[in-house]
Amino acid sequence: VPISASLVTGETIVRSQRPITTHTANFTASMDYIGGYNRVSGDLTCSILPTATYAVAMGAEFDFFQTSSAGYMLFESGSGVTLNSKNNNLNLSGQFSSATLKKVGSDEWDLMGDLT
């Protein structure tokens, strides 16, 4: 069984048993959701704020899965934050699409997945 270390608590967790959070309102990429599986409805925004405003551990990773057919979830970066994604796509492409967001630098993040 593959395991990974929790960046939040230092405890060992089984990756297949990660916490599931369902979002129905706009939210911020934060330590509250690190390592979790985030189910989102459409027409939501995930804000990615500068480290000076909202600290998130280096290497933090978030998985997203859109459950709704209404709209597209948007990833929005704050001032001074670099968000790397293919073709600068920042929206989940619709119902049942997914993406992973990973913090790779002080104010730099990579976004990969089914984006438009």
C-alpha atoms as a PDB file:
ATOM      1  CA  VAL A   1       0.000   0.000   0.000  1.00  0.00           C
ATOM      2  CA  PRO A   2       1.579   3.331  -1.021  1.00  0.00           C
ATOM      3  CA  ILE A   3       1.970   5.812   1.813  1.00  0.00           C
ATOM      4  CA  SER A   4       2.939   9.443   2.051  1.00  0.00           C
ATOM      5  CA  ALA A   5       3.765  11.839   4.874  1.00  0.00           C
ATOM      6  CA  SER A   6       1.263  14.538   5.814  1.00  0.00           C
ATOM      7  CA  LEU A   7       2.802  18.016   5.547  1.00  0.00           C
ATOM      8  CA  VAL A   8       0.261  19.304   8.046  1.00  0.00           C
ATOM      9  CA  THR A   9       0.656  16.903  10.961  1.00  0.00           C
ATOM     10  CA  GLY A  10       3.748  14.860  10.163  1.00  0.00           C
ATOM     11  CA  GLU A  11       1.654  11.700  10.459  1.00  0.00           C
ATOM     12  CA  THR A  12       1.800   8.938   7.903  1.00  0.00           C
ATOM     13  CA  ILE A  13      -1.346   8.659   5.788  1.00  0.00           C
ATOM     14  CA  VAL A  14      -2.448   6.216   3.128  1.00  0.00           C
ATOM     15  CA  ARG A  15      -2.831   8.201  -0.097  1.00  0.00           C
ATOM     16  CA  SER A  16      -6.036   6.350  -0.947  1.00  0.00           C
ATOM     17  CA  GLN A  17      -7.550   7.603   2.311  1.00  0.00           C
ATOM     18  CA  ARG A  18      -6.947  11.326   1.830  1.00  0.00           C
ATOM     19  CA  PRO A  19      -9.593  13.684   3.207  1.00  0.00           C
ATOM     20  CA  ILE A  20     -12.358  14.671   0.793  1.00  0.00           C
ATOM     21  CA  THR A  21     -13.627  18.257   0.881  1.00  0.00           C
ATOM     22  CA  THR A  22     -16.638  19.432  -1.116  1.00  0.00           C
ATOM     23  CA  HIS A  23     -16.537  23.120  -2.042  1.00  0.00           C
ATOM     24  CA  THR A  24     -19.726  25.019  -2.886  1.00  0.00           C
ATOM     25  CA  ALA A  25     -18.300  28.539  -2.359  1.00  0.00           C
ATOM     26  CA  ASN A  26     -15.094  30.304  -3.426  1.00  0.00           C
ATOM     27  CA  PHE A  27     -12.026  29.291  -1.391  1.00  0.00           C
ATOM     28  CA  THR A  28      -8.257  29.800  -1.040  1.00  0.00           C
ATOM     29  CA  ALA A  29      -5.517  27.219  -1.620  1.00  0.00           C
ATOM     30  CA  SER A  30      -4.503  26.809   2.020  1.00  0.00           C
ATOM     31  CA  MET A  31      -3.012  24.403   4.509  1.00  0.00           C
ATOM     32  CA  ASP A  32      -6.616  23.412   5.360  1.00  0.00           C
ATOM     33  CA  TYR A  33      -6.880  21.514   2.059  1.00  0.00           C
ATOM     34  CA  ILE A  34      -3.279  20.381   1.508  1.00  0.00           C
ATOM     35  CA  GLY A  35      -2.944  16.827   0.245  1.00  0.00           C
ATOM     36  CA  GLY A  36      -6.697  16.495   0.001  1.00  0.00           C
ATOM     37  CA  TYR A  37      -9.130  15.556  -2.705  1.00  0.00           C
ATOM     38  CA  ASN A  38     -11.247  18.626  -3.456  1.00  0.00           C
ATOM     39  CA  ARG A  39     -14.618  18.139  -5.137  1.00  0.00           C
ATOM     40  CA  VAL A  40     -15.892  21.403  -6.588  1.00  0.00           C
ATOM     41  CA  SER A  41     -19.063  22.619  -8.191  1.00  0.00           C
ATOM     42  CA  GLY A  42     -18.885  24.875 -11.242  1.00  0.00           C
ATOM     43  CA  ASP A  43     -18.582  28.659 -11.167  1.00  0.00           C
ATOM     44  CA  LEU A  44     -16.160  28.654  -8.216  1.00  0.00           C
ATOM     45  CA  THR A  45     -12.787  30.345  -7.801  1.00  0.00           C
ATOM     46  CA  CYS A  46      -9.735  28.938  -6.024  1.00  0.00           C
ATOM     47  CA  SER A  47      -7.565  31.914  -5.028  1.00  0.00           C
ATOM     48  CA  ILE A  48      -3.796  31.445  -4.855  1.00  0.00           C
ATOM     49  CA  LEU A  49      -2.363  34.181  -2.662  1.00  0.00           C
ATOM     50  CA  PRO A  50       1.219  35.436  -2.177  1.00  0.00           C
ATOM     51  CA  THR A  51       3.230  33.743   0.587  1.00  0.00           C
ATOM     52  CA  ALA A  52       3.469  37.039   2.496  1.00  0.00           C
ATOM     53  CA  THR A  53      -0.340  37.128   2.675  1.00  0.00           C
ATOM     54  CA  TYR A  54      -1.166  33.446   3.103  1.00  0.00           C
ATOM     55  CA  ALA A  55       1.656  30.982   3.785  1.00  0.00           C
ATOM     56  CA  VAL A  56       1.427  27.509   2.243  1.00  0.00           C
ATOM     57  CA  ALA A  57       4.198  24.916   2.648  1.00  0.00           C
ATOM     58  CA  MET A  58       6.577  24.316  -0.272  1.00  0.00           C
ATOM     59  CA  GLY A  59       5.549  21.147  -2.087  1.00  0.00           C
ATOM     60  CA  ALA A  60       1.888  21.483  -1.066  1.00  0.00           C
ATOM     61  CA  GLU A  61      -0.327  19.627  -3.508  1.00  0.00           C
ATOM     62  CA  PHE A  62      -4.075  19.799  -4.095  1.00  0.00           C
ATOM     63  CA  ASP A  63      -6.271  17.640  -6.360  1.00  0.00           C
ATOM     64  CA  PHE A  64      -9.511  19.038  -7.808  1.00  0.00           C
ATOM     65  CA  PHE A  65     -12.480  17.306  -9.463  1.00  0.00           C
ATOM     66  CA  GLN A  66     -15.471  19.239 -10.860  1.00  0.00           C
ATOM     67  CA  THR A  67     -18.825  17.571 -10.159  1.00  0.00           C
ATOM     68  CA  SER A  68     -21.199  20.135 -11.674  1.00  0.00           C
ATOM     69  CA  SER A  69     -22.083  20.743 -15.322  1.00  0.00           C
ATOM     70  CA  ALA A  70     -22.734  24.435 -14.522  1.00  0.00           C
ATOM     71  CA  GLY A  71     -19.793  26.649 -15.416  1.00  0.00           C
ATOM     72  CA  TYR A  72     -16.074  26.182 -14.936  1.00  0.00           C
ATOM     73  CA  MET A  73     -13.936  26.354 -11.806  1.00  0.00           C
ATOM     74  CA  LEU A  74     -11.281  29.094 -12.075  1.00  0.00           C
ATOM     75  CA  PHE A  75      -7.778  29.206 -10.540  1.00  0.00           C
ATOM     76  CA  GLU A  76      -6.905  32.840  -9.821  1.00  0.00           C
ATOM     77  CA  SER A  77      -3.470  34.022  -8.686  1.00  0.00           C
ATOM     78  CA  GLY A  78      -2.840  37.055  -6.507  1.00  0.00           C
ATOM     79  CA  SER A  79      -0.409  39.867  -7.242  1.00  0.00           C
ATOM     80  CA  GLY A  80       3.182  38.605  -7.443  1.00  0.00           C
ATOM     81  CA  VAL A  81       2.162  34.944  -7.763  1.00  0.00           C
ATOM     82  CA  THR A  82       3.316  32.981 -10.827  1.00  0.00           C
ATOM     83  CA  LEU A  83       0.879  30.276 -11.922  1.00  0.00           C
ATOM     84  CA  ASN A  84       2.355  27.979 -14.584  1.00  0.00           C
ATOM     85  CA  SER A  85      -0.110  26.123 -16.824  1.00  0.00           C
ATOM     86  CA  LYS A  86      -0.135  24.981 -20.430  1.00  0.00           C
ATOM     87  CA  ASN A  87      -1.356  27.810 -22.694  1.00  0.00           C
ATOM     88  CA  ASN A  88      -2.144  29.794 -19.516  1.00  0.00           C
ATOM     89  CA  ASN A  89      -5.350  27.787 -19.107  1.00  0.00           C
ATOM     90  CA  LEU A  90      -6.861  28.465 -15.688  1.00  0.00           C
ATOM     91  CA  ASN A  91     -10.299  26.785 -15.739  1.00  0.00           C
ATOM     92  CA  LEU A  92     -11.329  23.188 -15.234  1.00  0.00           C
ATOM     93  CA  SER A  93     -12.843  22.252 -18.595  1.00  0.00           C
ATOM     94  CA  GLY A  94     -16.221  21.174 -17.224  1.00  0.00           C
ATOM     95  CA  GLN A  95     -18.054  18.413 -15.413  1.00  0.00           C
ATOM     96  CA  PHE A  96     -15.839  15.464 -14.427  1.00  0.00           C
ATOM     97  CA  SER A  97     -12.602  17.269 -15.310  1.00  0.00           C
ATOM     98  CA  SER A  98      -9.713  17.325 -12.849  1.00  0.00           C
ATOM     99  CA  ALA A  99      -6.480  19.162 -12.075  1.00  0.00           C
ATOM    100  CA  THR A 100      -3.573  19.178  -9.654  1.00  0.00           C
ATOM    101  CA  LEU A 101      -2.127  22.352  -8.144  1.00  0.00           C
ATOM    102  CA  LYS A 102       1.390  22.209  -6.636  1.00  0.00           C
ATOM    103  CA  LYS A 103       3.476  24.880  -4.896  1.00  0.00           C
ATOM    104  CA  VAL A 104       6.983  24.762  -6.403  1.00  0.00           C
ATOM    105  CA  GLY A 105       8.528  28.064  -5.276  1.00  0.00           C
ATOM    106  CA  SER A 106       8.021  30.873  -2.783  1.00  0.00           C
ATOM    107  CA  ASP A 107       5.309  32.427  -4.955  1.00  0.00           C
ATOM    108  CA  GLU A 108       5.267  29.947  -7.838  1.00  0.00           C
ATOM    109  CA  TRP A 109       2.739  27.215  -8.515  1.00  0.00           C
ATOM    110  CA  ASP A 110       2.239  24.587 -11.244  1.00  0.00           C
ATOM    111  CA  LEU A 111      -1.269  23.749 -12.464  1.00  0.00           C
ATOM    112  CA  MET A 112      -1.794  20.655 -14.585  1.00  0.00           C
ATOM    113  CA  GLY A 113      -4.814  18.738 -15.757  1.00  0.00           C
ATOM    114  CA  ASP A 114      -7.941  18.969 -17.892  1.00  0.00           C
ATOM    115  CA  LEU A 115      -7.933  22.744 -18.281  1.00  0.00           C
ATOM    116  CA  THR A 116      -9.334  25.279 -20.696  1.00  0.00           C
END
